[in-house]
Amino acid sequence: MAQNPAPDTPAPHDDSRRTFLKQSSLLTALALVPGPVVDAAAARLDDRVAEAFEKIPLTLKVNGTKHKLSVEPRTTLLDLLREQLHLTGTKKGCDYGQCGACTVHVDGQRVNSCLSFAVMHEGQEITTIEGLADGDKLHPMQAAFVKHDGFQCGYCTPGQIMSAVACVREGCAGSEGEIREYMSGNICRCGAYANIVAAIQDVKQGGQKV
């Protein structure tokens, strides 16, 4: 036989009623706040937001060229390269640091530019895929990707090549397994991984300067 709930156990509708009364009280209190007070608070908030997004000066050396820029603090290095410097070789893929399509070099170290604020790199040297070749002469890694068909659609290729160069420079191309581990942060939806590994091994074994 079912038992009646204890007297001190609130019925489900009691919680809903209390929630409704709290919300009604809050709305009533807000309605009683003088308009000028609300307006002043909103104005202060607007000022703080505007101050946070105010552009600041930034100097970068990109592909050997010095740039004096003005950027919002929230601007990523990726967006600065693509939208302000029009270096669209660096691709925006996931925008969460998971695909590697946006890989560039900062003072020789590979970086996911979508995860890095531009203002963090004051005075540093940035190299993008556009800065690898020597005029019309391809960089050895670019030439190796062409030779070994290390790409299909090509969208991930700039990031793949930038990581591949860093892989050899950092001494992480000693074996196929080592290369695959180092390159695991660069995703190729076309599945050209075997050819990418072959291109890296070719450059490594050829002893070419990267």
N, C-alpha and C. Protein backbone atom coordinates (compact mmCIF):
# COMPACT_ATOMS: atom_id res chain seq x y z
N MET A 1 0.85 -1.21 0.00
CA MET A 1 0.00 0.00 0.00
C MET A 1 0.88 1.25 0.00
N ALA A 2 0.61 2.20 -0.90
CA ALA A 2 1.44 3.41 -1.02
C ALA A 2 1.28 4.27 0.21
N GLN A 3 2.42 4.88 0.67
CA GLN A 3 2.40 5.74 1.83
C GLN A 3 2.36 7.20 1.40
N ASN A 4 1.69 8.02 2.22
CA ASN A 4 1.67 9.45 1.95
C ASN A 4 3.05 10.04 2.24
N PRO A 5 3.48 11.05 1.46
CA PRO A 5 4.78 11.67 1.71
C PRO A 5 4.81 12.32 3.08
N ALA A 6 6.01 12.35 3.67
CA ALA A 6 6.15 12.97 4.99
C ALA A 6 5.71 14.41 4.93
N PRO A 7 5.17 14.92 6.02
CA PRO A 7 4.65 16.31 6.02
C PRO A 7 5.68 17.34 5.62
N ASP A 8 6.99 17.08 5.96
CA ASP A 8 8.00 18.10 5.66
C ASP A 8 8.62 17.94 4.29
N THR A 9 8.10 17.01 3.47
CA THR A 9 8.63 16.81 2.12
C THR A 9 7.85 17.68 1.14
N PRO A 10 8.50 18.67 0.52
CA PRO A 10 7.76 19.57 -0.38
C PRO A 10 7.28 18.85 -1.63
N ALA A 11 6.08 19.15 -2.03
CA ALA A 11 5.55 18.59 -3.27
C ALA A 11 6.25 19.23 -4.45
N PRO A 12 6.31 18.53 -5.60
CA PRO A 12 7.00 19.09 -6.77
C PRO A 12 6.52 20.48 -7.15
N HIS A 13 5.20 20.72 -7.00
CA HIS A 13 4.68 22.02 -7.41
C HIS A 13 5.15 23.13 -6.47
N ASP A 14 5.59 22.76 -5.23
CA ASP A 14 6.08 23.78 -4.31
C ASP A 14 7.38 24.39 -4.82
N ASP A 15 8.30 23.54 -5.38
CA ASP A 15 9.56 24.06 -5.93
C ASP A 15 9.28 25.01 -7.08
N SER A 16 8.36 24.64 -7.95
CA SER A 16 8.03 25.51 -9.08
C SER A 16 7.45 26.83 -8.59
N ARG A 17 6.61 26.76 -7.55
CA ARG A 17 5.99 27.98 -7.02
C ARG A 17 7.05 28.91 -6.43
N ARG A 18 8.04 28.30 -5.66
CA ARG A 18 9.08 29.12 -5.07
C ARG A 18 9.94 29.78 -6.14
N THR A 19 10.26 29.02 -7.18
CA THR A 19 11.07 29.57 -8.28
C THR A 19 10.35 30.73 -8.94
N PHE A 20 9.04 30.58 -9.16
CA PHE A 20 8.25 31.63 -9.78
C PHE A 20 8.24 32.89 -8.92
N LEU A 21 8.08 32.69 -7.59
CA LEU A 21 8.03 33.85 -6.70
C LEU A 21 9.38 34.58 -6.66
N LYS A 22 10.50 33.82 -6.68
CA LYS A 22 11.82 34.44 -6.68
C LYS A 22 12.03 35.28 -7.94
N GLN A 23 11.65 34.69 -9.08
CA GLN A 23 11.81 35.40 -10.34
C GLN A 23 10.94 36.65 -10.39
N SER A 24 9.72 36.55 -9.87
CA SER A 24 8.82 37.70 -9.86
C SER A 24 9.37 38.81 -8.98
N SER A 25 9.95 38.41 -7.81
CA SER A 25 10.53 39.40 -6.91
C SER A 25 11.70 40.12 -7.55
N LEU A 26 12.54 39.36 -8.26
CA LEU A 26 13.69 39.95 -8.93
C LEU A 26 13.25 40.95 -9.99
N LEU A 27 12.26 40.57 -10.78
CA LEU A 27 11.76 41.47 -11.82
C LEU A 27 11.17 42.73 -11.21
N THR A 28 10.47 42.57 -10.10
CA THR A 28 9.88 43.73 -9.43
C THR A 28 10.97 44.67 -8.93
N ALA A 29 12.04 44.07 -8.34
CA ALA A 29 13.14 44.90 -7.83
C ALA A 29 13.82 45.67 -8.95
N LEU A 30 14.04 45.00 -10.09
CA LEU A 30 14.65 45.67 -11.23
C LEU A 30 13.78 46.81 -11.74
N ALA A 31 12.47 46.58 -11.71
CA ALA A 31 11.55 47.60 -12.20
C ALA A 31 11.59 48.85 -11.32
N LEU A 32 11.97 48.67 -10.03
CA LEU A 32 12.00 49.79 -9.10
C LEU A 32 13.31 50.56 -9.13
N VAL A 33 14.36 49.99 -9.81
CA VAL A 33 15.65 50.68 -9.90
C VAL A 33 15.49 51.90 -10.80
N PRO A 34 15.94 53.04 -10.35
CA PRO A 34 15.80 54.25 -11.17
C PRO A 34 16.49 54.09 -12.53
N GLY A 35 15.87 54.62 -13.56
CA GLY A 35 16.40 54.52 -14.92
C GLY A 35 17.82 55.04 -15.05
N PRO A 36 18.14 56.20 -14.48
CA PRO A 36 19.51 56.73 -14.59
C PRO A 36 20.57 55.78 -14.04
N VAL A 37 20.23 55.03 -12.97
CA VAL A 37 21.20 54.09 -12.40
C VAL A 37 21.51 52.97 -13.40
N VAL A 38 20.46 52.44 -14.01
CA VAL A 38 20.63 51.38 -15.01
C VAL A 38 21.42 51.91 -16.20
N ASP A 39 21.07 53.11 -16.65
CA ASP A 39 21.77 53.70 -17.80
C ASP A 39 23.25 53.92 -17.51
N ALA A 40 23.56 54.37 -16.29
CA ALA A 40 24.96 54.62 -15.92
C ALA A 40 25.75 53.32 -15.89
N ALA A 41 25.12 52.26 -15.35
CA ALA A 41 25.79 50.96 -15.30
C ALA A 41 26.06 50.44 -16.70
N ALA A 42 25.08 50.60 -17.59
CA ALA A 42 25.24 50.15 -18.97
C ALA A 42 26.35 50.94 -19.68
N ALA A 43 26.42 52.23 -19.40
CA ALA A 43 27.45 53.07 -20.02
C ALA A 43 28.84 52.64 -19.57
N ARG A 44 28.97 52.32 -18.27
CA ARG A 44 30.27 51.87 -17.76
C ARG A 44 30.68 50.55 -18.41
N LEU A 45 29.71 49.67 -18.59
CA LEU A 45 29.99 48.39 -19.24
C LEU A 45 30.42 48.61 -20.68
N ASP A 46 29.75 49.50 -21.39
CA ASP A 46 30.11 49.80 -22.78
C ASP A 46 31.53 50.34 -22.87
N ASP A 47 31.90 51.20 -21.91
CA ASP A 47 33.25 51.76 -21.90
C ASP A 47 34.30 50.68 -21.69
N ARG A 48 34.00 49.74 -20.80
CA ARG A 48 34.96 48.67 -20.51
C ARG A 48 35.11 47.74 -21.71
N VAL A 49 34.01 47.45 -22.39
CA VAL A 49 34.06 46.61 -23.59
C VAL A 49 34.86 47.29 -24.69
N ALA A 50 34.59 48.58 -24.90
CA ALA A 50 35.30 49.33 -25.94
C ALA A 50 36.80 49.40 -25.64
N GLU A 51 37.13 49.57 -24.34
CA GLU A 51 38.54 49.63 -23.95
C GLU A 51 39.24 48.30 -24.21
N ALA A 52 38.52 47.19 -23.96
CA ALA A 52 39.11 45.86 -24.16
C ALA A 52 39.40 45.59 -25.62
N PHE A 53 38.60 46.16 -26.52
CA PHE A 53 38.75 45.91 -27.95
C PHE A 53 39.46 47.04 -28.69
N GLU A 54 39.99 48.00 -27.96
CA GLU A 54 40.69 49.11 -28.60
C GLU A 54 41.96 48.60 -29.27
N LYS A 55 42.21 49.05 -30.48
CA LYS A 55 43.36 48.57 -31.23
C LYS A 55 44.66 49.07 -30.61
N ILE A 56 45.67 48.22 -30.68
CA ILE A 56 46.97 48.57 -30.15
C ILE A 56 48.03 48.35 -31.22
N PRO A 57 49.16 49.06 -31.14
CA PRO A 57 50.20 48.92 -32.15
C PRO A 57 50.93 47.58 -32.02
N LEU A 58 51.37 47.05 -33.15
CA LEU A 58 52.08 45.76 -33.17
C LEU A 58 53.07 45.75 -34.31
N THR A 59 54.27 45.31 -34.05
CA THR A 59 55.30 45.18 -35.09
C THR A 59 55.69 43.72 -35.24
N LEU A 60 55.60 43.23 -36.45
CA LEU A 60 55.96 41.85 -36.77
C LEU A 60 56.84 41.83 -38.01
N LYS A 61 57.70 40.82 -38.08
CA LYS A 61 58.47 40.58 -39.29
C LYS A 61 57.91 39.32 -39.92
N VAL A 62 57.25 39.45 -41.05
CA VAL A 62 56.60 38.31 -41.69
C VAL A 62 57.25 38.03 -43.03
N ASN A 63 57.78 36.83 -43.16
CA ASN A 63 58.47 36.41 -44.39
C ASN A 63 59.55 37.41 -44.81
N GLY A 64 60.25 37.93 -43.80
CA GLY A 64 61.36 38.83 -44.07
C GLY A 64 60.99 40.29 -44.20
N THR A 65 59.70 40.60 -44.16
CA THR A 65 59.25 41.99 -44.29
C THR A 65 58.68 42.48 -42.96
N LYS A 66 59.14 43.67 -42.54
CA LYS A 66 58.66 44.23 -41.29
C LYS A 66 57.33 44.94 -41.49
N HIS A 67 56.39 44.67 -40.60
CA HIS A 67 55.06 45.27 -40.69
C HIS A 67 54.73 45.98 -39.38
N LYS A 68 54.28 47.23 -39.48
CA LYS A 68 53.76 47.95 -38.33
C LYS A 68 52.25 47.98 -38.46
N LEU A 69 51.59 47.37 -37.51
CA LEU A 69 50.15 47.14 -37.62
C LEU A 69 49.40 47.71 -36.42
N SER A 70 48.09 47.73 -36.53
CA SER A 70 47.20 48.11 -35.45
C SER A 70 46.14 47.03 -35.34
N VAL A 71 46.08 46.33 -34.20
CA VAL A 71 45.19 45.19 -34.08
C VAL A 71 44.41 45.22 -32.77
N GLU A 72 43.26 44.57 -32.78
CA GLU A 72 42.51 44.37 -31.55
C GLU A 72 43.19 43.26 -30.75
N PRO A 73 43.19 43.34 -29.43
CA PRO A 73 43.85 42.32 -28.61
C PRO A 73 43.33 40.90 -28.87
N ARG A 74 42.08 40.78 -29.29
CA ARG A 74 41.50 39.44 -29.48
C ARG A 74 41.81 38.85 -30.85
N THR A 75 42.49 39.58 -31.73
CA THR A 75 42.79 39.09 -33.07
C THR A 75 43.81 37.97 -33.02
N THR A 76 43.49 36.84 -33.65
CA THR A 76 44.45 35.74 -33.68
C THR A 76 45.51 36.00 -34.74
N LEU A 77 46.63 35.32 -34.59
CA LEU A 77 47.69 35.43 -35.59
C LEU A 77 47.19 34.97 -36.95
N LEU A 78 46.37 33.95 -36.96
CA LEU A 78 45.80 33.45 -38.21
C LEU A 78 44.98 34.52 -38.92
N ASP A 79 44.08 35.17 -38.19
CA ASP A 79 43.23 36.19 -38.80
C ASP A 79 44.04 37.40 -39.25
N LEU A 80 45.06 37.75 -38.49
CA LEU A 80 45.91 38.86 -38.91
C LEU A 80 46.61 38.55 -40.23
N LEU A 81 47.16 37.34 -40.34
CA LEU A 81 47.87 36.95 -41.56
C LEU A 81 46.93 36.94 -42.76
N ARG A 82 45.75 36.40 -42.59
CA ARG A 82 44.83 36.25 -43.71
C ARG A 82 44.11 37.55 -44.06
N GLU A 83 43.62 38.26 -43.04
CA GLU A 83 42.73 39.39 -43.29
C GLU A 83 43.44 40.74 -43.40
N GLN A 84 44.55 40.89 -42.67
CA GLN A 84 45.25 42.17 -42.74
C GLN A 84 46.45 42.15 -43.68
N LEU A 85 47.16 41.02 -43.70
CA LEU A 85 48.33 40.92 -44.58
C LEU A 85 48.02 40.16 -45.87
N HIS A 86 46.83 39.60 -45.96
CA HIS A 86 46.36 38.91 -47.17
C HIS A 86 47.26 37.75 -47.57
N LEU A 87 47.83 37.08 -46.57
CA LEU A 87 48.62 35.87 -46.79
C LEU A 87 47.70 34.67 -46.58
N THR A 88 46.94 34.35 -47.61
CA THR A 88 45.88 33.34 -47.48
C THR A 88 46.37 31.91 -47.68
N GLY A 89 47.68 31.74 -47.84
CA GLY A 89 48.21 30.38 -47.93
C GLY A 89 48.02 29.63 -46.62
N THR A 90 48.06 30.34 -45.51
CA THR A 90 47.79 29.75 -44.20
C THR A 90 46.28 29.58 -44.08
N LYS A 91 45.84 28.33 -43.91
CA LYS A 91 44.41 28.03 -43.99
C LYS A 91 43.72 27.98 -42.64
N LYS A 92 42.46 28.37 -42.64
CA LYS A 92 41.62 28.24 -41.45
C LYS A 92 40.79 26.98 -41.62
N GLY A 93 41.09 25.99 -40.80
CA GLY A 93 40.37 24.73 -40.87
C GLY A 93 39.37 24.62 -39.74
N CYS A 94 39.82 24.02 -38.63
CA CYS A 94 38.92 23.82 -37.49
C CYS A 94 38.79 25.07 -36.64
N ASP A 95 39.83 25.91 -36.60
CA ASP A 95 39.90 27.10 -35.75
C ASP A 95 39.95 26.74 -34.27
N TYR A 96 40.31 25.49 -33.96
CA TYR A 96 40.41 25.04 -32.57
C TYR A 96 41.74 24.35 -32.29
N GLY A 97 42.71 24.46 -33.19
CA GLY A 97 44.01 23.85 -32.96
C GLY A 97 44.05 22.35 -33.11
N GLN A 98 43.08 21.78 -33.84
CA GLN A 98 42.99 20.33 -33.94
C GLN A 98 43.38 19.78 -35.31
N CYS A 99 43.45 20.64 -36.34
CA CYS A 99 43.69 20.10 -37.69
C CYS A 99 45.07 20.43 -38.23
N GLY A 100 45.70 21.49 -37.75
CA GLY A 100 47.04 21.85 -38.19
C GLY A 100 47.12 22.61 -39.49
N ALA A 101 45.98 22.93 -40.11
CA ALA A 101 46.00 23.63 -41.40
C ALA A 101 46.58 25.03 -41.29
N CYS A 102 46.57 25.59 -40.09
CA CYS A 102 47.02 26.98 -39.90
C CYS A 102 48.47 27.08 -39.41
N THR A 103 49.22 25.99 -39.49
CA THR A 103 50.58 25.97 -38.94
C THR A 103 51.51 26.97 -39.63
N VAL A 104 52.21 27.75 -38.82
CA VAL A 104 53.25 28.67 -39.30
C VAL A 104 54.45 28.51 -38.39
N HIS A 105 55.54 29.19 -38.72
CA HIS A 105 56.72 29.18 -37.85
C HIS A 105 56.87 30.54 -37.18
N VAL A 106 57.08 30.53 -35.88
CA VAL A 106 57.34 31.74 -35.12
C VAL A 106 58.74 31.62 -34.53
N ASP A 107 59.66 32.45 -35.01
CA ASP A 107 61.07 32.33 -34.61
C ASP A 107 61.57 30.91 -34.78
N GLY A 108 61.15 30.27 -35.88
CA GLY A 108 61.63 28.94 -36.21
C GLY A 108 60.86 27.79 -35.60
N GLN A 109 59.92 28.07 -34.69
CA GLN A 109 59.14 27.03 -34.04
C GLN A 109 57.74 26.97 -34.64
N ARG A 110 57.25 25.77 -34.87
CA ARG A 110 55.90 25.67 -35.45
C ARG A 110 54.84 26.05 -34.42
N VAL A 111 53.80 26.71 -34.90
CA VAL A 111 52.73 27.22 -34.03
C VAL A 111 51.40 27.08 -34.76
N ASN A 112 50.36 26.69 -34.04
CA ASN A 112 49.00 26.74 -34.58
C ASN A 112 48.53 28.18 -34.47
N SER A 113 48.50 28.87 -35.57
CA SER A 113 48.22 30.31 -35.53
C SER A 113 46.80 30.64 -35.12
N CYS A 114 45.89 29.67 -35.20
CA CYS A 114 44.51 29.95 -34.78
C CYS A 114 44.39 30.02 -33.26
N LEU A 115 45.37 29.47 -32.53
CA LEU A 115 45.32 29.46 -31.08
C LEU A 115 46.19 30.54 -30.45
N SER A 116 46.82 31.35 -31.28
CA SER A 116 47.78 32.32 -30.78
C SER A 116 47.33 33.74 -31.10
N PHE A 117 47.25 34.59 -30.09
CA PHE A 117 46.89 35.98 -30.32
C PHE A 117 48.05 36.70 -31.00
N ALA A 118 47.74 37.54 -31.96
CA ALA A 118 48.77 38.27 -32.70
C ALA A 118 49.63 39.11 -31.78
N VAL A 119 49.02 39.74 -30.76
CA VAL A 119 49.76 40.64 -29.88
C VAL A 119 50.81 39.92 -29.04
N MET A 120 50.75 38.60 -29.00
CA MET A 120 51.73 37.83 -28.25
C MET A 120 53.08 37.78 -28.96
N HIS A 121 53.09 38.19 -30.23
CA HIS A 121 54.29 37.99 -31.04
C HIS A 121 54.99 39.28 -31.43
N GLU A 122 54.84 40.29 -30.60
CA GLU A 122 55.52 41.57 -30.84
C GLU A 122 57.02 41.36 -31.09
N GLY A 123 57.50 41.86 -32.24
CA GLY A 123 58.92 41.80 -32.56
C GLY A 123 59.42 40.45 -33.04
N GLN A 124 58.56 39.46 -33.10
CA GLN A 124 59.01 38.13 -33.53
C GLN A 124 58.95 37.97 -35.05
N GLU A 125 59.62 36.92 -35.52
CA GLU A 125 59.66 36.67 -36.96
C GLU A 125 58.73 35.52 -37.31
N ILE A 126 57.81 35.80 -38.21
CA ILE A 126 56.81 34.83 -38.63
C ILE A 126 57.14 34.35 -40.04
N THR A 127 57.07 33.04 -40.25
CA THR A 127 57.25 32.49 -41.60
C THR A 127 56.00 31.70 -41.96
N THR A 128 55.40 32.03 -43.09
CA THR A 128 54.23 31.31 -43.59
C THR A 128 54.65 30.51 -44.82
N ILE A 129 53.72 29.77 -45.38
CA ILE A 129 54.02 28.96 -46.56
C ILE A 129 54.52 29.83 -47.71
N GLU A 130 54.05 31.08 -47.78
CA GLU A 130 54.49 31.98 -48.85
C GLU A 130 55.97 32.36 -48.71
N GLY A 131 56.52 32.19 -47.51
CA GLY A 131 57.89 32.60 -47.27
C GLY A 131 58.92 31.49 -47.41
N LEU A 132 58.48 30.28 -47.76
CA LEU A 132 59.42 29.17 -47.87
C LEU A 132 60.22 29.17 -49.17
N ALA A 133 59.55 29.40 -50.27
CA ALA A 133 60.22 29.35 -51.57
C ALA A 133 61.19 30.51 -51.74
N ASP A 134 62.19 30.30 -52.59
CA ASP A 134 63.15 31.35 -52.92
C ASP A 134 62.82 31.85 -54.31
N GLY A 135 61.92 32.83 -54.36
CA GLY A 135 61.43 33.29 -55.66
C GLY A 135 60.64 32.20 -56.34
N ASP A 136 61.06 31.83 -57.57
CA ASP A 136 60.37 30.76 -58.30
C ASP A 136 60.91 29.39 -57.94
N LYS A 137 61.94 29.34 -57.12
CA LYS A 137 62.54 28.06 -56.73
C LYS A 137 61.85 27.53 -55.48
N LEU A 138 61.25 26.34 -55.61
CA LEU A 138 60.54 25.76 -54.49
C LEU A 138 61.49 25.37 -53.36
N HIS A 139 60.98 25.43 -52.16
CA HIS A 139 61.70 24.91 -51.00
C HIS A 139 61.82 23.39 -51.18
N PRO A 140 62.90 22.76 -50.71
CA PRO A 140 63.06 21.30 -50.87
C PRO A 140 61.85 20.49 -50.41
N MET A 141 61.18 20.93 -49.34
CA MET A 141 60.02 20.18 -48.86
C MET A 141 58.84 20.36 -49.80
N GLN A 142 58.67 21.55 -50.35
CA GLN A 142 57.61 21.75 -51.34
C GLN A 142 57.84 20.87 -52.56
N ALA A 143 59.09 20.83 -53.03
CA ALA A 143 59.42 20.02 -54.19
C ALA A 143 59.18 18.53 -53.90
N ALA A 144 59.49 18.10 -52.69
CA ALA A 144 59.31 16.70 -52.32
C ALA A 144 57.83 16.34 -52.26
N PHE A 145 56.99 17.26 -51.79
CA PHE A 145 55.54 17.00 -51.77
C PHE A 145 55.01 16.84 -53.19
N VAL A 146 55.52 17.65 -54.11
CA VAL A 146 55.11 17.51 -55.51
C VAL A 146 55.59 16.17 -56.07
N LYS A 147 56.84 15.84 -55.82
CA LYS A 147 57.44 14.60 -56.33
C LYS A 147 56.71 13.36 -55.85
N HIS A 148 56.30 13.35 -54.58
CA HIS A 148 55.68 12.17 -53.98
C HIS A 148 54.16 12.25 -53.91
N ASP A 149 53.57 13.22 -54.59
CA ASP A 149 52.10 13.38 -54.55
C ASP A 149 51.61 13.43 -53.10
N GLY A 150 52.21 14.31 -52.32
CA GLY A 150 51.86 14.39 -50.91
C GLY A 150 50.63 15.22 -50.62
N PHE A 151 49.75 15.36 -51.59
CA PHE A 151 48.52 16.13 -51.40
C PHE A 151 47.50 15.71 -52.44
N GLN A 152 46.23 16.00 -52.15
CA GLN A 152 45.17 15.77 -53.12
C GLN A 152 44.37 17.06 -53.29
N CYS A 153 43.45 17.35 -52.36
CA CYS A 153 42.69 18.59 -52.50
C CYS A 153 43.59 19.81 -52.23
N GLY A 154 44.61 19.64 -51.39
CA GLY A 154 45.58 20.70 -51.14
C GLY A 154 45.26 21.64 -50.00
N TYR A 155 44.08 21.51 -49.40
CA TYR A 155 43.71 22.48 -48.37
C TYR A 155 44.63 22.40 -47.14
N CYS A 156 44.98 21.19 -46.75
CA CYS A 156 45.82 21.02 -45.56
C CYS A 156 47.31 21.15 -45.88
N THR A 157 47.65 21.19 -47.17
CA THR A 157 49.05 21.10 -47.59
C THR A 157 49.96 22.19 -47.01
N PRO A 158 49.56 23.46 -46.98
CA PRO A 158 50.46 24.47 -46.40
C PRO A 158 50.85 24.12 -44.96
N GLY A 159 49.88 23.75 -44.15
CA GLY A 159 50.17 23.38 -42.77
C GLY A 159 51.01 22.12 -42.68
N GLN A 160 50.72 21.16 -43.56
CA GLN A 160 51.51 19.92 -43.59
C GLN A 160 52.97 20.22 -43.90
N ILE A 161 53.19 21.07 -44.89
CA ILE A 161 54.56 21.40 -45.29
C ILE A 161 55.29 22.15 -44.18
N MET A 162 54.62 23.11 -43.54
CA MET A 162 55.26 23.86 -42.46
C MET A 162 55.64 22.93 -41.30
N SER A 163 54.78 21.98 -40.97
CA SER A 163 55.10 21.01 -39.92
C SER A 163 56.20 20.06 -40.37
N ALA A 164 56.17 19.69 -41.66
CA ALA A 164 57.18 18.76 -42.19
C ALA A 164 58.57 19.39 -42.12
N VAL A 165 58.67 20.67 -42.44
CA VAL A 165 59.96 21.38 -42.35
C VAL A 165 60.44 21.37 -40.90
N ALA A 166 59.55 21.67 -39.98
CA ALA A 166 59.91 21.68 -38.55
C ALA A 166 60.30 20.28 -38.09
N CYS A 167 59.65 19.27 -38.63
CA CYS A 167 59.95 17.88 -38.27
C CYS A 167 61.41 17.55 -38.56
N VAL A 168 61.88 17.93 -39.74
CA VAL A 168 63.27 17.66 -40.13
C VAL A 168 64.22 18.55 -39.33
N ARG A 169 63.88 19.82 -39.20
CA ARG A 169 64.75 20.76 -38.47
C ARG A 169 64.97 20.35 -37.02
N GLU A 170 63.93 19.81 -36.42
CA GLU A 170 63.99 19.47 -35.00
C GLU A 170 64.50 18.05 -34.76
N GLY A 171 64.93 17.38 -35.83
CA GLY A 171 65.50 16.05 -35.68
C GLY A 171 64.50 14.98 -35.32
N CYS A 172 63.28 15.13 -35.80
CA CYS A 172 62.23 14.17 -35.48
C CYS A 172 61.82 13.32 -36.69
N ALA A 173 62.74 13.18 -37.65
CA ALA A 173 62.44 12.42 -38.87
C ALA A 173 63.35 11.20 -39.00
N GLY A 174 63.73 10.61 -37.86
CA GLY A 174 64.66 9.49 -37.88
C GLY A 174 64.06 8.20 -38.38
N SER A 175 62.75 8.05 -38.26
CA SER A 175 62.08 6.83 -38.71
C SER A 175 60.66 7.17 -39.14
N GLU A 176 60.03 6.21 -39.82
CA GLU A 176 58.64 6.44 -40.25
C GLU A 176 57.74 6.66 -39.06
N GLY A 177 57.93 5.87 -38.01
CA GLY A 177 57.11 6.00 -36.81
C GLY A 177 57.28 7.34 -36.14
N GLU A 178 58.52 7.81 -36.11
CA GLU A 178 58.81 9.11 -35.49
C GLU A 178 58.16 10.23 -36.28
N ILE A 179 58.22 10.13 -37.60
CA ILE A 179 57.59 11.14 -38.46
C ILE A 179 56.09 11.16 -38.25
N ARG A 180 55.48 9.99 -38.25
CA ARG A 180 54.02 9.91 -38.07
C ARG A 180 53.59 10.49 -36.73
N GLU A 181 54.37 10.24 -35.70
CA GLU A 181 54.05 10.78 -34.38
C GLU A 181 54.15 12.30 -34.38
N TYR A 182 55.22 12.83 -34.96
CA TYR A 182 55.42 14.28 -34.99
C TYR A 182 54.34 14.97 -35.82
N MET A 183 53.93 14.33 -36.90
CA MET A 183 52.96 14.93 -37.82
C MET A 183 51.51 14.63 -37.44
N SER A 184 51.30 13.99 -36.30
CA SER A 184 49.94 13.56 -35.95
C SER A 184 48.99 14.73 -35.70
N GLY A 185 49.52 15.93 -35.48
CA GLY A 185 48.65 17.08 -35.28
C GLY A 185 48.15 17.71 -36.56
N ASN A 186 48.59 17.18 -37.71
CA ASN A 186 48.15 17.69 -39.01
C ASN A 186 47.26 16.65 -39.68
N ILE A 187 46.01 17.02 -39.87
CA ILE A 187 45.03 16.09 -40.42
C ILE A 187 44.88 16.29 -41.93
N CYS A 188 44.86 15.17 -42.67
CA CYS A 188 44.60 15.19 -44.11
C CYS A 188 43.35 14.37 -44.38
N ARG A 189 42.26 15.03 -44.72
CA ARG A 189 41.01 14.32 -44.95
C ARG A 189 41.08 13.43 -46.20
N CYS A 190 41.99 13.77 -47.11
CA CYS A 190 42.14 12.96 -48.33
C CYS A 190 42.95 11.69 -48.07
N GLY A 191 43.65 11.63 -46.94
CA GLY A 191 44.39 10.43 -46.59
C GLY A 191 45.71 10.26 -47.31
N ALA A 192 46.42 11.35 -47.55
CA ALA A 192 47.70 11.27 -48.27
C ALA A 192 48.88 11.04 -47.32
N TYR A 193 48.62 10.46 -46.17
CA TYR A 193 49.65 10.33 -45.14
C TYR A 193 50.90 9.58 -45.60
N ALA A 194 50.72 8.47 -46.29
CA ALA A 194 51.88 7.67 -46.72
C ALA A 194 52.80 8.49 -47.63
N ASN A 195 52.22 9.27 -48.52
CA ASN A 195 53.03 10.08 -49.43
C ASN A 195 53.69 11.26 -48.72
N ILE A 196 53.00 11.78 -47.70
CA ILE A 196 53.58 12.87 -46.91
C ILE A 196 54.82 12.36 -46.17
N VAL A 197 54.71 11.16 -45.59
CA VAL A 197 55.85 10.55 -44.90
C VAL A 197 57.00 10.33 -45.88
N ALA A 198 56.66 9.85 -47.07
CA ALA A 198 57.69 9.60 -48.09
C ALA A 198 58.42 10.90 -48.47
N ALA A 199 57.67 11.99 -48.58
CA ALA A 199 58.27 13.28 -48.93
C ALA A 199 59.23 13.74 -47.84
N ILE A 200 58.85 13.58 -46.59
CA ILE A 200 59.70 13.98 -45.48
C ILE A 200 60.96 13.13 -45.43
N GLN A 201 60.79 11.82 -45.63
CA GLN A 201 61.95 10.92 -45.63
C GLN A 201 62.91 11.28 -46.76
N ASP A 202 62.36 11.65 -47.91
CA ASP A 202 63.19 12.02 -49.06
C ASP A 202 64.07 13.22 -48.71
N VAL A 203 63.46 14.24 -48.12
CA VAL A 203 64.23 15.45 -47.75
C VAL A 203 65.26 15.12 -46.68
N LYS A 204 64.86 14.32 -45.70
CA LYS A 204 65.77 13.94 -44.62
C LYS A 204 66.96 13.15 -45.16
N GLN A 205 66.70 12.15 -45.98
CA GLN A 205 67.75 11.31 -46.50
C GLN A 205 68.65 12.03 -47.50
N GLY A 206 68.07 13.03 -48.17
CA GLY A 206 68.85 13.78 -49.13
C GLY A 206 69.78 14.80 -48.49
N GLY A 207 69.58 14.99 -47.18
CA GLY A 207 70.44 15.92 -46.46
C GLY A 207 70.29 17.36 -46.89
N GLN A 208 69.13 17.68 -47.45
CA GLN A 208 68.92 19.05 -47.93
C GLN A 208 68.63 20.00 -46.77
N LYS A 209 69.15 21.20 -46.88
CA LYS A 209 68.96 22.20 -45.85
C LYS A 209 67.51 22.69 -45.87
N VAL A 210 66.85 22.63 -44.74
CA VAL A 210 65.47 23.10 -44.65
C VAL A 210 65.34 24.24 -43.66
